[in-house]
C-alpha cells in the first residue's frame, strides 16, 4: 500500500488535448507555421514546452522562449479551460482521500495554471500540495517537480510514494528521485513508451490504479 501519491495533471487527471494543441498552433502561427491537423501536436502534451518547441521544430532558445510566450497568450485565457476530467478520476481521488492517503499534483505545467485547473474542476479539496514549474522555466524537469513536492509533504522521506503519469518523463522523473511509478494508459504515452521508460506498474483504468495503490495488485 502506498502512503503518498503524486499525480501528473495533463493526460492523467485531465484530457487537455484541445486547449494545448490549439495553444501550440497559435504559437506556431507567429512563426508562419500552420498545422492543419491538431492531432499532430499531441506530442506537446506532457513534456516541458520549451523542450518540445526545440525538439519538434528546431527552435533555438530565443525562439522557444517567444513560442512559449505566444502559447500563453491563448492558453491563459481560453485553452486552459478547453479541458475535461477523465472518467473515474474524481471517484478515485475521493476513495484514496478517505483511506488517508496523501495526494499531490506534480506537473511540469506552471503552478499558476495547475491551480486554476484544479479550482475549475473542484479538485483542490483532494490535494495537500500542487507542485509545478515557474513561468521562467524554473523547476520544469519532472524530477525537480517531484523533489519539490516531496520536500513539502514528506521532507524526511518516511512515506511509500508513487508517481502516477502518462508519459516517459513522468516515469524517468520518478526513477531519478527514487520513487516507484505507475504509467497510466488512458493518456498520451503508449504502453511501449511507458515500459521502456521503466514504469513500476501500468494501469489501464482508475479502478486498476486504485487497486495497485491499495496493495491489492503486485
N, C-alpha and C. Protein backbone atom coordinates (compact mmCIF):
# COMPACT_ATOMS: atom_id res chain seq x y z
N UNK A 1 0.84 -1.21 0.00
CA UNK A 1 0.00 0.00 0.00
C UNK A 1 0.87 1.25 0.00
N UNK A 2 0.49 2.24 -0.78
CA UNK A 2 1.24 3.49 -0.85
C UNK A 2 0.66 4.51 0.13
N UNK A 3 1.55 5.34 0.68
CA UNK A 3 1.13 6.37 1.62
C UNK A 3 0.96 7.73 0.95
N UNK A 4 1.63 7.90 -0.20
CA UNK A 4 1.68 9.20 -0.86
C UNK A 4 1.63 9.01 -2.37
N UNK A 5 0.68 9.65 -3.01
CA UNK A 5 0.52 9.56 -4.47
C UNK A 5 0.73 10.93 -5.10
N UNK A 6 1.66 10.97 -6.05
CA UNK A 6 1.93 12.19 -6.81
C UNK A 6 1.32 12.01 -8.20
N UNK A 7 0.39 12.85 -8.56
CA UNK A 7 -0.31 12.74 -9.83
C UNK A 7 0.17 13.78 -10.82
N UNK A 8 0.52 13.32 -12.01
CA UNK A 8 0.66 14.23 -13.13
C UNK A 8 -0.72 14.82 -13.40
N UNK A 9 -0.75 15.93 -14.14
CA UNK A 9 -2.02 16.59 -14.43
C UNK A 9 -2.50 16.27 -15.86
N UNK A 10 -1.80 16.81 -16.85
CA UNK A 10 -2.20 16.63 -18.25
C UNK A 10 -2.04 15.18 -18.68
N UNK A 11 -3.12 14.59 -19.18
CA UNK A 11 -3.06 13.21 -19.65
C UNK A 11 -3.22 12.17 -18.56
N UNK A 12 -3.36 12.63 -17.32
CA UNK A 12 -3.51 11.71 -16.19
C UNK A 12 -4.79 12.01 -15.42
N UNK A 13 -4.92 13.25 -14.95
CA UNK A 13 -6.16 13.67 -14.30
C UNK A 13 -7.13 14.28 -15.31
N UNK A 14 -6.61 15.06 -16.24
CA UNK A 14 -7.47 15.72 -17.23
C UNK A 14 -6.97 15.46 -18.64
N UNK A 15 -7.90 15.59 -19.59
CA UNK A 15 -7.57 15.48 -21.01
C UNK A 15 -7.54 16.89 -21.60
N UNK A 16 -6.33 17.44 -21.78
CA UNK A 16 -6.17 18.84 -22.20
C UNK A 16 -5.96 19.01 -23.70
N UNK A 17 -6.25 17.96 -24.49
CA UNK A 17 -5.82 17.96 -25.89
C UNK A 17 -6.25 19.20 -26.66
N UNK A 18 -7.50 19.56 -26.59
CA UNK A 18 -7.99 20.68 -27.40
C UNK A 18 -7.26 21.97 -27.02
N UNK A 19 -7.21 22.27 -25.73
CA UNK A 19 -6.59 23.51 -25.30
C UNK A 19 -5.11 23.60 -25.60
N UNK A 20 -4.38 22.51 -25.37
CA UNK A 20 -2.94 22.54 -25.59
C UNK A 20 -2.61 22.59 -27.07
N UNK A 21 -3.27 21.77 -27.87
CA UNK A 21 -2.94 21.75 -29.30
C UNK A 21 -3.32 23.07 -29.98
N UNK A 22 -4.43 23.66 -29.58
CA UNK A 22 -4.80 24.97 -30.13
C UNK A 22 -3.80 26.04 -29.71
N UNK A 23 -3.33 25.96 -28.48
CA UNK A 23 -2.36 26.94 -27.98
C UNK A 23 -1.03 26.81 -28.71
N UNK A 24 -0.61 25.56 -28.95
CA UNK A 24 0.63 25.33 -29.69
C UNK A 24 0.50 25.86 -31.11
N UNK A 25 -0.63 25.59 -31.76
CA UNK A 25 -0.84 26.04 -33.13
C UNK A 25 -0.87 27.57 -33.21
N UNK A 26 -1.44 28.18 -32.21
CA UNK A 26 -1.45 29.66 -32.12
C UNK A 26 -0.02 30.18 -32.05
N UNK A 27 0.81 29.53 -31.22
CA UNK A 27 2.20 29.95 -31.08
C UNK A 27 2.97 29.74 -32.38
N UNK A 28 2.75 28.61 -33.03
CA UNK A 28 3.44 28.32 -34.28
C UNK A 28 3.05 29.32 -35.37
N UNK A 29 1.81 29.78 -35.32
CA UNK A 29 1.35 30.75 -36.31
C UNK A 29 2.17 32.03 -36.30
N UNK A 30 2.70 32.39 -35.15
CA UNK A 30 3.56 33.57 -35.06
C UNK A 30 4.80 33.41 -35.93
N UNK A 31 5.23 32.15 -36.11
CA UNK A 31 6.40 31.84 -36.94
C UNK A 31 5.99 31.41 -38.36
N UNK A 32 4.73 31.68 -38.69
CA UNK A 32 4.18 31.34 -40.01
C UNK A 32 4.21 29.83 -40.25
N UNK A 33 4.01 29.08 -39.17
CA UNK A 33 3.88 27.62 -39.27
C UNK A 33 2.44 27.29 -38.90
N UNK A 34 1.77 26.56 -39.75
CA UNK A 34 0.36 26.27 -39.52
C UNK A 34 0.11 24.78 -39.71
N UNK A 35 -0.23 24.12 -38.62
CA UNK A 35 -0.52 22.69 -38.67
C UNK A 35 -2.02 22.50 -38.90
N UNK A 36 -2.38 21.80 -39.96
CA UNK A 36 -3.79 21.60 -40.28
C UNK A 36 -4.44 20.55 -39.39
N UNK A 37 -3.67 19.57 -38.95
CA UNK A 37 -4.21 18.50 -38.11
C UNK A 37 -3.70 18.69 -36.68
N UNK A 38 -4.59 19.11 -35.79
CA UNK A 38 -4.18 19.36 -34.41
C UNK A 38 -3.68 18.10 -33.71
N UNK A 39 -4.12 16.93 -34.17
CA UNK A 39 -3.65 15.68 -33.56
C UNK A 39 -2.13 15.52 -33.70
N UNK A 40 -1.55 16.18 -34.71
CA UNK A 40 -0.10 16.11 -34.89
C UNK A 40 0.64 16.83 -33.77
N UNK A 41 -0.09 17.61 -32.99
CA UNK A 41 0.54 18.38 -31.91
C UNK A 41 0.31 17.74 -30.54
N UNK A 42 -0.28 16.54 -30.50
CA UNK A 42 -0.49 15.86 -29.22
C UNK A 42 0.82 15.56 -28.51
N UNK A 43 1.90 15.49 -29.27
CA UNK A 43 3.20 15.20 -28.67
C UNK A 43 3.66 16.29 -27.71
N UNK A 44 3.00 17.45 -27.76
CA UNK A 44 3.33 18.53 -26.83
C UNK A 44 2.71 18.33 -25.45
N UNK A 45 1.79 17.39 -25.34
CA UNK A 45 1.10 17.20 -24.06
C UNK A 45 1.99 16.44 -23.10
N UNK A 46 2.37 17.10 -22.03
CA UNK A 46 3.19 16.45 -21.00
C UNK A 46 4.55 17.06 -20.81
N UNK A 47 5.47 16.93 -21.79
CA UNK A 47 6.83 17.43 -21.60
C UNK A 47 6.88 18.96 -21.50
N UNK A 48 7.96 19.51 -20.95
CA UNK A 48 8.12 20.97 -20.90
C UNK A 48 8.02 21.59 -22.29
N UNK A 49 7.29 22.69 -22.40
CA UNK A 49 7.06 23.32 -23.70
C UNK A 49 8.34 23.74 -24.41
N UNK A 50 9.24 24.36 -23.67
CA UNK A 50 10.47 24.84 -24.31
C UNK A 50 11.20 23.70 -25.01
N UNK A 51 11.28 22.57 -24.33
CA UNK A 51 11.97 21.41 -24.90
C UNK A 51 11.27 20.93 -26.16
N UNK A 52 9.94 20.92 -26.14
CA UNK A 52 9.19 20.40 -27.28
C UNK A 52 9.32 21.31 -28.50
N UNK A 53 9.27 22.61 -28.31
CA UNK A 53 9.45 23.52 -29.45
C UNK A 53 10.84 23.35 -30.06
N UNK A 54 11.83 23.12 -29.24
CA UNK A 54 13.18 22.90 -29.75
C UNK A 54 13.29 21.56 -30.47
N UNK A 55 12.72 20.52 -29.86
CA UNK A 55 12.85 19.18 -30.42
C UNK A 55 12.09 19.02 -31.72
N UNK A 56 10.85 19.49 -31.75
CA UNK A 56 9.99 19.20 -32.90
C UNK A 56 10.04 20.24 -34.01
N UNK A 57 10.50 21.45 -33.70
CA UNK A 57 10.55 22.49 -34.73
C UNK A 57 11.92 23.14 -34.88
N UNK A 58 12.90 22.62 -34.16
CA UNK A 58 14.26 23.12 -34.31
C UNK A 58 14.47 24.54 -33.83
N UNK A 59 13.62 25.02 -32.94
CA UNK A 59 13.75 26.38 -32.44
C UNK A 59 15.01 26.51 -31.58
N UNK A 60 15.66 27.67 -31.67
CA UNK A 60 16.75 27.95 -30.74
C UNK A 60 16.14 28.47 -29.44
N UNK A 61 16.99 28.76 -28.46
CA UNK A 61 16.49 29.14 -27.15
C UNK A 61 15.60 30.38 -27.20
N UNK A 62 16.03 31.39 -27.97
CA UNK A 62 15.26 32.62 -28.07
C UNK A 62 13.91 32.37 -28.74
N UNK A 63 13.90 31.57 -29.79
CA UNK A 63 12.65 31.26 -30.48
C UNK A 63 11.71 30.45 -29.59
N UNK A 64 12.28 29.52 -28.85
CA UNK A 64 11.46 28.71 -27.95
C UNK A 64 10.82 29.56 -26.87
N UNK A 65 11.56 30.54 -26.35
CA UNK A 65 11.00 31.44 -25.34
C UNK A 65 9.85 32.26 -25.92
N UNK A 66 10.02 32.74 -27.15
CA UNK A 66 8.96 33.52 -27.79
C UNK A 66 7.75 32.63 -28.06
N UNK A 67 7.98 31.40 -28.47
CA UNK A 67 6.89 30.47 -28.73
C UNK A 67 6.09 30.19 -27.45
N UNK A 68 6.79 30.01 -26.34
CA UNK A 68 6.11 29.79 -25.06
C UNK A 68 5.28 31.01 -24.69
N UNK A 69 5.82 32.19 -24.92
CA UNK A 69 5.09 33.42 -24.63
C UNK A 69 3.81 33.52 -25.45
N UNK A 70 3.91 33.20 -26.74
CA UNK A 70 2.72 33.24 -27.61
C UNK A 70 1.72 32.15 -27.20
N UNK A 71 2.23 30.98 -26.88
CA UNK A 71 1.37 29.89 -26.39
C UNK A 71 0.52 30.38 -25.22
N UNK A 72 1.14 31.06 -24.29
CA UNK A 72 0.44 31.50 -23.09
C UNK A 72 -0.61 32.58 -23.38
N UNK A 73 -0.44 33.33 -24.46
CA UNK A 73 -1.45 34.31 -24.82
C UNK A 73 -2.80 33.64 -25.03
N UNK A 74 -2.77 32.52 -25.73
CA UNK A 74 -4.02 31.80 -25.99
C UNK A 74 -4.42 30.93 -24.80
N UNK A 75 -3.44 30.21 -24.24
CA UNK A 75 -3.75 29.24 -23.19
C UNK A 75 -4.32 29.90 -21.94
N UNK A 76 -3.75 31.03 -21.52
CA UNK A 76 -4.13 31.62 -20.24
C UNK A 76 -5.57 32.12 -20.22
N UNK A 77 -6.12 32.45 -21.40
CA UNK A 77 -7.48 32.98 -21.45
C UNK A 77 -8.50 31.95 -21.93
N UNK A 78 -8.09 31.09 -22.84
CA UNK A 78 -9.05 30.18 -23.49
C UNK A 78 -8.66 28.72 -23.36
N UNK A 79 -7.43 28.39 -23.77
CA UNK A 79 -7.01 27.00 -23.82
C UNK A 79 -7.04 26.28 -22.48
N UNK A 80 -6.82 27.01 -21.42
CA UNK A 80 -6.76 26.40 -20.09
C UNK A 80 -8.07 25.70 -19.74
N UNK A 81 -9.18 26.19 -20.29
CA UNK A 81 -10.49 25.60 -19.98
C UNK A 81 -11.03 24.71 -21.10
N UNK A 82 -10.26 24.55 -22.17
CA UNK A 82 -10.62 23.58 -23.21
C UNK A 82 -10.04 22.24 -22.77
N UNK A 83 -10.67 21.66 -21.79
CA UNK A 83 -10.07 20.61 -20.97
C UNK A 83 -11.20 19.82 -20.32
N UNK A 84 -11.03 18.53 -20.12
CA UNK A 84 -12.05 17.73 -19.46
C UNK A 84 -11.40 16.76 -18.48
N UNK A 85 -12.14 16.43 -17.43
CA UNK A 85 -11.68 15.40 -16.48
C UNK A 85 -11.86 14.02 -17.09
N UNK A 86 -10.90 13.15 -16.89
CA UNK A 86 -11.08 11.76 -17.31
C UNK A 86 -12.14 11.09 -16.42
N UNK A 87 -12.90 10.21 -17.01
CA UNK A 87 -13.93 9.47 -16.29
C UNK A 87 -13.31 8.67 -15.14
N UNK A 88 -13.92 8.75 -13.99
CA UNK A 88 -13.48 7.96 -12.84
C UNK A 88 -12.43 8.64 -11.97
N UNK A 89 -11.90 9.78 -12.39
CA UNK A 89 -10.83 10.44 -11.63
C UNK A 89 -11.32 10.98 -10.29
N UNK A 90 -12.42 11.70 -10.29
CA UNK A 90 -12.94 12.25 -9.04
C UNK A 90 -13.22 11.15 -8.04
N UNK A 91 -13.77 10.06 -8.54
CA UNK A 91 -14.11 8.94 -7.65
C UNK A 91 -12.87 8.33 -7.01
N UNK A 92 -11.81 8.13 -7.78
CA UNK A 92 -10.61 7.52 -7.21
C UNK A 92 -9.93 8.46 -6.22
N UNK A 93 -9.92 9.74 -6.52
CA UNK A 93 -9.33 10.70 -5.59
C UNK A 93 -10.09 10.71 -4.27
N UNK A 94 -11.41 10.65 -4.35
CA UNK A 94 -12.24 10.62 -3.14
C UNK A 94 -11.98 9.35 -2.33
N UNK A 95 -11.87 8.23 -3.02
CA UNK A 95 -11.63 6.95 -2.33
C UNK A 95 -10.26 6.94 -1.66
N UNK A 96 -9.25 7.44 -2.36
CA UNK A 96 -7.91 7.48 -1.78
C UNK A 96 -7.87 8.42 -0.58
N UNK A 97 -8.51 9.56 -0.70
CA UNK A 97 -8.55 10.53 0.39
C UNK A 97 -9.22 9.93 1.62
N UNK A 98 -10.28 9.15 1.40
CA UNK A 98 -11.00 8.53 2.51
C UNK A 98 -10.14 7.48 3.22
N UNK A 99 -9.12 6.96 2.52
CA UNK A 99 -8.19 6.00 3.11
C UNK A 99 -6.99 6.68 3.77
N UNK A 100 -7.05 8.00 3.86
CA UNK A 100 -5.98 8.82 4.49
C UNK A 100 -4.66 8.73 3.74
N UNK A 101 -4.72 8.48 2.44
CA UNK A 101 -3.52 8.52 1.61
C UNK A 101 -3.28 9.96 1.18
N UNK A 102 -2.06 10.43 1.33
CA UNK A 102 -1.73 11.80 0.96
C UNK A 102 -1.62 11.92 -0.56
N UNK A 103 -2.19 12.99 -1.10
CA UNK A 103 -2.22 13.19 -2.54
C UNK A 103 -1.60 14.54 -2.90
N UNK A 104 -0.89 14.55 -4.03
CA UNK A 104 -0.29 15.79 -4.53
C UNK A 104 -0.35 15.78 -6.05
N UNK A 105 -0.37 16.96 -6.64
CA UNK A 105 -0.20 17.11 -8.07
C UNK A 105 1.25 17.48 -8.32
N UNK A 106 1.88 16.80 -9.27
CA UNK A 106 3.26 17.10 -9.66
C UNK A 106 3.28 17.23 -11.18
N UNK A 107 3.30 18.45 -11.67
CA UNK A 107 3.18 18.70 -13.10
C UNK A 107 4.27 19.63 -13.59
N UNK A 108 4.65 19.48 -14.85
CA UNK A 108 5.60 20.41 -15.46
C UNK A 108 4.94 21.73 -15.84
N UNK A 109 3.62 21.77 -15.77
CA UNK A 109 2.86 22.99 -16.07
C UNK A 109 3.13 24.03 -14.97
N UNK A 110 3.14 25.32 -15.31
CA UNK A 110 3.29 26.33 -14.26
C UNK A 110 2.26 26.17 -13.15
N UNK A 111 2.69 26.36 -11.92
CA UNK A 111 1.81 26.19 -10.76
C UNK A 111 0.55 27.03 -10.90
N UNK A 112 0.68 28.26 -11.40
CA UNK A 112 -0.48 29.15 -11.53
C UNK A 112 -1.56 28.49 -12.37
N UNK A 113 -1.17 27.89 -13.49
CA UNK A 113 -2.15 27.21 -14.35
C UNK A 113 -2.71 25.97 -13.67
N UNK A 114 -1.84 25.20 -13.04
CA UNK A 114 -2.29 23.97 -12.38
C UNK A 114 -3.33 24.27 -11.30
N UNK A 115 -3.12 25.33 -10.55
CA UNK A 115 -4.06 25.70 -9.50
C UNK A 115 -5.39 26.17 -10.09
N UNK A 116 -5.34 26.91 -11.20
CA UNK A 116 -6.58 27.36 -11.85
C UNK A 116 -7.38 26.17 -12.38
N UNK A 117 -6.68 25.19 -12.95
CA UNK A 117 -7.36 24.00 -13.46
C UNK A 117 -7.95 23.19 -12.30
N UNK A 118 -7.20 23.04 -11.22
CA UNK A 118 -7.70 22.31 -10.06
C UNK A 118 -8.94 23.00 -9.48
N UNK A 119 -8.92 24.32 -9.45
CA UNK A 119 -10.09 25.08 -9.00
C UNK A 119 -11.28 24.85 -9.92
N UNK A 120 -11.02 24.91 -11.22
CA UNK A 120 -12.07 24.78 -12.22
C UNK A 120 -12.81 23.45 -12.09
N UNK A 121 -12.06 22.39 -11.80
CA UNK A 121 -12.66 21.06 -11.69
C UNK A 121 -12.95 20.65 -10.24
N UNK A 122 -12.80 21.59 -9.31
CA UNK A 122 -13.08 21.34 -7.90
C UNK A 122 -12.22 20.19 -7.35
N UNK A 123 -10.93 20.20 -7.71
CA UNK A 123 -10.02 19.14 -7.29
C UNK A 123 -9.15 19.51 -6.08
N UNK A 124 -9.08 20.79 -5.75
CA UNK A 124 -8.15 21.20 -4.70
C UNK A 124 -8.42 20.52 -3.37
N UNK A 125 -9.66 20.16 -3.15
CA UNK A 125 -10.04 19.54 -1.88
C UNK A 125 -9.30 18.22 -1.63
N UNK A 126 -8.80 17.61 -2.69
CA UNK A 126 -8.17 16.30 -2.54
C UNK A 126 -6.66 16.37 -2.31
N UNK A 127 -6.04 17.49 -2.61
CA UNK A 127 -4.58 17.54 -2.67
C UNK A 127 -3.97 18.37 -1.54
N UNK A 128 -2.93 17.79 -0.95
CA UNK A 128 -2.16 18.51 0.07
C UNK A 128 -1.27 19.57 -0.57
N UNK A 129 -0.76 19.25 -1.76
CA UNK A 129 0.22 20.10 -2.44
C UNK A 129 -0.07 20.10 -3.93
N UNK A 130 0.07 21.25 -4.56
CA UNK A 130 0.09 21.34 -6.02
C UNK A 130 1.45 21.89 -6.41
N UNK A 131 2.28 21.03 -7.01
CA UNK A 131 3.64 21.41 -7.38
C UNK A 131 3.76 21.49 -8.89
N UNK A 132 4.49 22.49 -9.35
CA UNK A 132 4.69 22.67 -10.78
C UNK A 132 5.89 23.55 -11.04
N UNK A 133 5.98 24.03 -12.25
CA UNK A 133 7.10 24.88 -12.65
C UNK A 133 6.76 26.35 -12.41
N UNK A 134 7.72 27.21 -12.70
CA UNK A 134 7.51 28.66 -12.69
C UNK A 134 7.50 29.15 -14.13
N UNK A 135 6.99 30.35 -14.35
CA UNK A 135 6.89 30.88 -15.70
C UNK A 135 8.25 31.05 -16.38
N UNK A 136 9.31 31.24 -15.58
CA UNK A 136 10.63 31.44 -16.18
C UNK A 136 11.33 30.12 -16.51
N UNK A 137 10.64 29.00 -16.33
CA UNK A 137 11.22 27.70 -16.65
C UNK A 137 11.84 27.01 -15.46
N UNK A 138 11.91 27.69 -14.32
CA UNK A 138 12.44 27.07 -13.12
C UNK A 138 11.59 25.86 -12.75
N UNK A 139 12.25 24.77 -12.40
CA UNK A 139 11.60 23.55 -11.94
C UNK A 139 10.70 22.95 -13.03
N UNK A 140 11.16 22.96 -14.28
CA UNK A 140 10.37 22.36 -15.35
C UNK A 140 10.65 20.87 -15.55
N UNK A 141 11.84 20.41 -15.10
CA UNK A 141 12.13 18.97 -15.17
C UNK A 141 11.26 18.22 -14.17
N UNK A 142 10.76 17.06 -14.59
CA UNK A 142 9.83 16.33 -13.71
C UNK A 142 10.48 15.92 -12.40
N UNK A 143 11.75 15.55 -12.45
CA UNK A 143 12.43 15.17 -11.21
C UNK A 143 12.48 16.34 -10.22
N UNK A 144 12.63 17.55 -10.73
CA UNK A 144 12.65 18.74 -9.87
C UNK A 144 11.28 18.98 -9.25
N UNK A 145 10.24 18.76 -10.03
CA UNK A 145 8.88 18.94 -9.51
C UNK A 145 8.58 17.90 -8.43
N UNK A 146 8.98 16.67 -8.69
CA UNK A 146 8.74 15.61 -7.71
C UNK A 146 9.50 15.90 -6.41
N UNK A 147 10.77 16.30 -6.53
CA UNK A 147 11.56 16.65 -5.35
C UNK A 147 10.90 17.78 -4.58
N UNK A 148 10.42 18.78 -5.28
CA UNK A 148 9.75 19.93 -4.66
C UNK A 148 8.53 19.47 -3.88
N UNK A 149 7.72 18.62 -4.50
CA UNK A 149 6.51 18.12 -3.83
C UNK A 149 6.87 17.28 -2.60
N UNK A 150 7.85 16.40 -2.75
CA UNK A 150 8.26 15.56 -1.62
C UNK A 150 8.81 16.40 -0.48
N UNK A 151 9.57 17.42 -0.80
CA UNK A 151 10.13 18.28 0.24
C UNK A 151 9.05 19.02 1.03
N UNK A 152 7.93 19.27 0.37
CA UNK A 152 6.83 19.97 1.03
C UNK A 152 5.98 19.03 1.87
N UNK A 153 5.79 17.81 1.38
CA UNK A 153 4.81 16.92 2.01
C UNK A 153 5.46 15.79 2.82
N UNK A 154 6.70 15.43 2.48
CA UNK A 154 7.38 14.32 3.16
C UNK A 154 8.89 14.56 3.17
N UNK A 155 9.32 15.63 3.85
CA UNK A 155 10.74 16.00 3.79
C UNK A 155 11.70 14.95 4.34
N UNK A 156 11.22 14.12 5.24
CA UNK A 156 12.07 13.07 5.82
C UNK A 156 12.06 11.79 4.99
N UNK A 157 11.26 11.77 3.92
CA UNK A 157 11.14 10.61 3.04
C UNK A 157 10.76 9.35 3.84
N UNK A 158 9.76 9.50 4.67
CA UNK A 158 9.31 8.40 5.52
C UNK A 158 8.16 7.60 4.90
N UNK A 159 7.56 8.14 3.85
CA UNK A 159 6.37 7.52 3.28
C UNK A 159 6.69 6.75 2.01
N UNK A 160 5.85 5.77 1.73
CA UNK A 160 5.97 5.00 0.49
C UNK A 160 5.25 5.78 -0.60
N UNK A 161 6.04 6.36 -1.51
CA UNK A 161 5.48 7.27 -2.51
C UNK A 161 5.47 6.64 -3.89
N UNK A 162 4.55 7.12 -4.73
CA UNK A 162 4.48 6.67 -6.11
C UNK A 162 4.12 7.86 -6.99
N UNK A 163 4.77 7.96 -8.14
CA UNK A 163 4.47 8.97 -9.14
C UNK A 163 3.57 8.34 -10.20
N UNK A 164 2.48 9.01 -10.53
CA UNK A 164 1.50 8.48 -11.47
C UNK A 164 1.41 9.42 -12.67
N UNK A 165 1.71 8.90 -13.86
CA UNK A 165 1.69 9.76 -15.04
C UNK A 165 1.54 8.97 -16.32
N UNK A 166 1.41 9.70 -17.44
CA UNK A 166 1.12 9.03 -18.72
C UNK A 166 2.25 9.11 -19.73
N UNK A 167 3.35 9.79 -19.38
CA UNK A 167 4.43 9.94 -20.35
C UNK A 167 5.76 9.49 -19.75
N UNK A 168 6.73 9.25 -20.62
CA UNK A 168 8.04 8.74 -20.20
C UNK A 168 8.70 9.67 -19.19
N UNK A 169 8.54 10.99 -19.37
CA UNK A 169 9.25 11.90 -18.46
C UNK A 169 8.71 11.80 -17.03
N UNK A 170 7.45 11.37 -16.86
CA UNK A 170 6.93 11.12 -15.51
C UNK A 170 7.65 9.95 -14.87
N UNK A 171 7.83 8.90 -15.66
CA UNK A 171 8.47 7.69 -15.16
C UNK A 171 9.96 7.92 -14.89
N UNK A 172 10.62 8.61 -15.81
CA UNK A 172 12.04 8.90 -15.64
C UNK A 172 12.26 9.81 -14.43
N UNK A 173 11.38 10.80 -14.27
CA UNK A 173 11.49 11.69 -13.10
C UNK A 173 11.35 10.94 -11.80
N UNK A 174 10.45 9.95 -11.78
CA UNK A 174 10.29 9.14 -10.58
C UNK A 174 11.55 8.33 -10.29
N UNK A 175 12.13 7.73 -11.33
CA UNK A 175 13.36 6.96 -11.14
C UNK A 175 14.48 7.84 -10.62
N UNK A 176 14.58 9.05 -11.14
CA UNK A 176 15.65 9.96 -10.73
C UNK A 176 15.49 10.41 -9.28
N UNK A 177 14.28 10.34 -8.76
CA UNK A 177 14.06 10.75 -7.38
C UNK A 177 13.85 9.56 -6.45
N UNK A 178 13.97 8.35 -7.00
CA UNK A 178 13.94 7.16 -6.16
C UNK A 178 12.57 6.73 -5.69
N UNK A 179 11.52 7.05 -6.45
CA UNK A 179 10.19 6.59 -6.06
C UNK A 179 9.62 5.68 -7.15
N UNK A 180 8.68 4.84 -6.76
CA UNK A 180 8.01 3.97 -7.72
C UNK A 180 7.15 4.81 -8.68
N UNK A 181 6.71 4.17 -9.75
CA UNK A 181 5.91 4.90 -10.73
C UNK A 181 4.83 4.00 -11.31
N UNK A 182 3.71 4.61 -11.66
CA UNK A 182 2.65 3.93 -12.40
C UNK A 182 2.42 4.70 -13.70
N UNK A 183 2.51 3.99 -14.81
CA UNK A 183 2.19 4.58 -16.09
C UNK A 183 0.73 4.30 -16.41
N UNK A 184 -0.05 5.36 -16.62
CA UNK A 184 -1.47 5.17 -16.94
C UNK A 184 -1.64 5.19 -18.46
N UNK A 185 -2.43 4.28 -18.96
CA UNK A 185 -2.52 4.10 -20.41
C UNK A 185 -3.66 4.86 -21.06
N UNK A 186 -4.42 5.63 -20.25
CA UNK A 186 -5.52 6.40 -20.85
C UNK A 186 -5.06 7.79 -21.32
N UNK A 187 -3.80 8.11 -21.13
CA UNK A 187 -3.29 9.42 -21.52
C UNK A 187 -2.65 9.42 -22.90
N UNK A 188 -1.48 10.07 -23.01
CA UNK A 188 -0.88 10.32 -24.33
C UNK A 188 0.43 9.58 -24.57
N UNK A 189 0.85 8.77 -23.63
CA UNK A 189 2.02 7.94 -23.85
C UNK A 189 1.60 6.51 -24.17
N UNK A 190 2.30 5.86 -25.06
CA UNK A 190 1.96 4.48 -25.40
C UNK A 190 2.46 3.53 -24.32
N UNK A 191 1.93 2.31 -24.33
CA UNK A 191 2.42 1.29 -23.41
C UNK A 191 3.91 1.06 -23.61
N UNK A 192 4.33 1.05 -24.87
CA UNK A 192 5.75 0.86 -25.17
C UNK A 192 6.60 1.95 -24.55
N UNK A 193 6.15 3.20 -24.69
CA UNK A 193 6.89 4.33 -24.11
C UNK A 193 7.02 4.17 -22.61
N UNK A 194 5.95 3.81 -21.96
CA UNK A 194 5.95 3.69 -20.50
C UNK A 194 6.79 2.51 -20.02
N UNK A 195 6.71 1.40 -20.75
CA UNK A 195 7.51 0.23 -20.39
C UNK A 195 9.00 0.51 -20.58
N UNK A 196 9.34 1.11 -21.72
CA UNK A 196 10.75 1.40 -22.00
C UNK A 196 11.32 2.42 -21.01
N UNK A 197 10.48 3.30 -20.50
CA UNK A 197 10.94 4.27 -19.51
C UNK A 197 11.17 3.63 -18.15
N UNK A 198 10.59 2.44 -17.95
CA UNK A 198 10.83 1.71 -16.71
C UNK A 198 9.74 1.84 -15.67
N UNK A 199 8.49 2.00 -16.10
CA UNK A 199 7.39 2.12 -15.14
C UNK A 199 7.33 0.89 -14.23
N UNK A 200 7.11 1.13 -12.94
CA UNK A 200 6.97 0.04 -11.99
C UNK A 200 5.73 -0.78 -12.27
N UNK A 201 4.68 -0.10 -12.72
CA UNK A 201 3.40 -0.76 -12.98
C UNK A 201 2.67 0.01 -14.06
N UNK A 202 1.79 -0.65 -14.80
CA UNK A 202 0.91 0.00 -15.76
C UNK A 202 -0.53 -0.17 -15.30
N UNK A 203 -1.32 0.89 -15.43
CA UNK A 203 -2.73 0.83 -15.06
C UNK A 203 -3.57 1.23 -16.27
N UNK A 204 -4.56 0.40 -16.57
CA UNK A 204 -5.43 0.65 -17.73
C UNK A 204 -6.71 1.38 -17.37
N UNK A 205 -6.95 1.57 -16.07
CA UNK A 205 -8.16 2.26 -15.64
C UNK A 205 -7.93 2.83 -14.25
N UNK A 206 -8.72 3.85 -13.86
CA UNK A 206 -8.60 4.37 -12.50
C UNK A 206 -8.85 3.30 -11.43
N UNK A 207 -9.76 2.37 -11.68
CA UNK A 207 -10.01 1.30 -10.71
C UNK A 207 -8.78 0.42 -10.52
N UNK A 208 -8.09 0.12 -11.62
CA UNK A 208 -6.88 -0.68 -11.54
C UNK A 208 -5.79 0.08 -10.80
N UNK A 209 -5.71 1.37 -11.05
CA UNK A 209 -4.74 2.21 -10.35
C UNK A 209 -5.02 2.18 -8.84
N UNK A 210 -6.27 2.31 -8.47
CA UNK A 210 -6.65 2.27 -7.05
C UNK A 210 -6.22 0.94 -6.41
N UNK A 211 -6.47 -0.15 -7.11
CA UNK A 211 -6.11 -1.46 -6.57
C UNK A 211 -4.61 -1.58 -6.36
N UNK A 212 -3.82 -1.03 -7.28
CA UNK A 212 -2.36 -1.07 -7.11
C UNK A 212 -1.94 -0.24 -5.91
N UNK A 213 -2.47 0.97 -5.79
CA UNK A 213 -2.09 1.83 -4.69
C UNK A 213 -2.43 1.20 -3.34
N UNK A 214 -3.55 0.49 -3.29
CA UNK A 214 -4.00 -0.15 -2.04
C UNK A 214 -3.28 -1.47 -1.77
N UNK A 215 -2.38 -1.86 -2.65
CA UNK A 215 -1.61 -3.09 -2.43
C UNK A 215 -2.35 -4.34 -2.80
N UNK A 216 -3.40 -4.23 -3.60
CA UNK A 216 -4.18 -5.39 -3.98
C UNK A 216 -3.61 -6.07 -5.22
N UNK A 217 -2.68 -5.40 -5.92
CA UNK A 217 -2.02 -5.96 -7.10
C UNK A 217 -0.52 -5.91 -6.90
N UNK A 218 0.20 -6.87 -7.46
CA UNK A 218 1.66 -6.87 -7.32
C UNK A 218 2.29 -7.50 -8.56
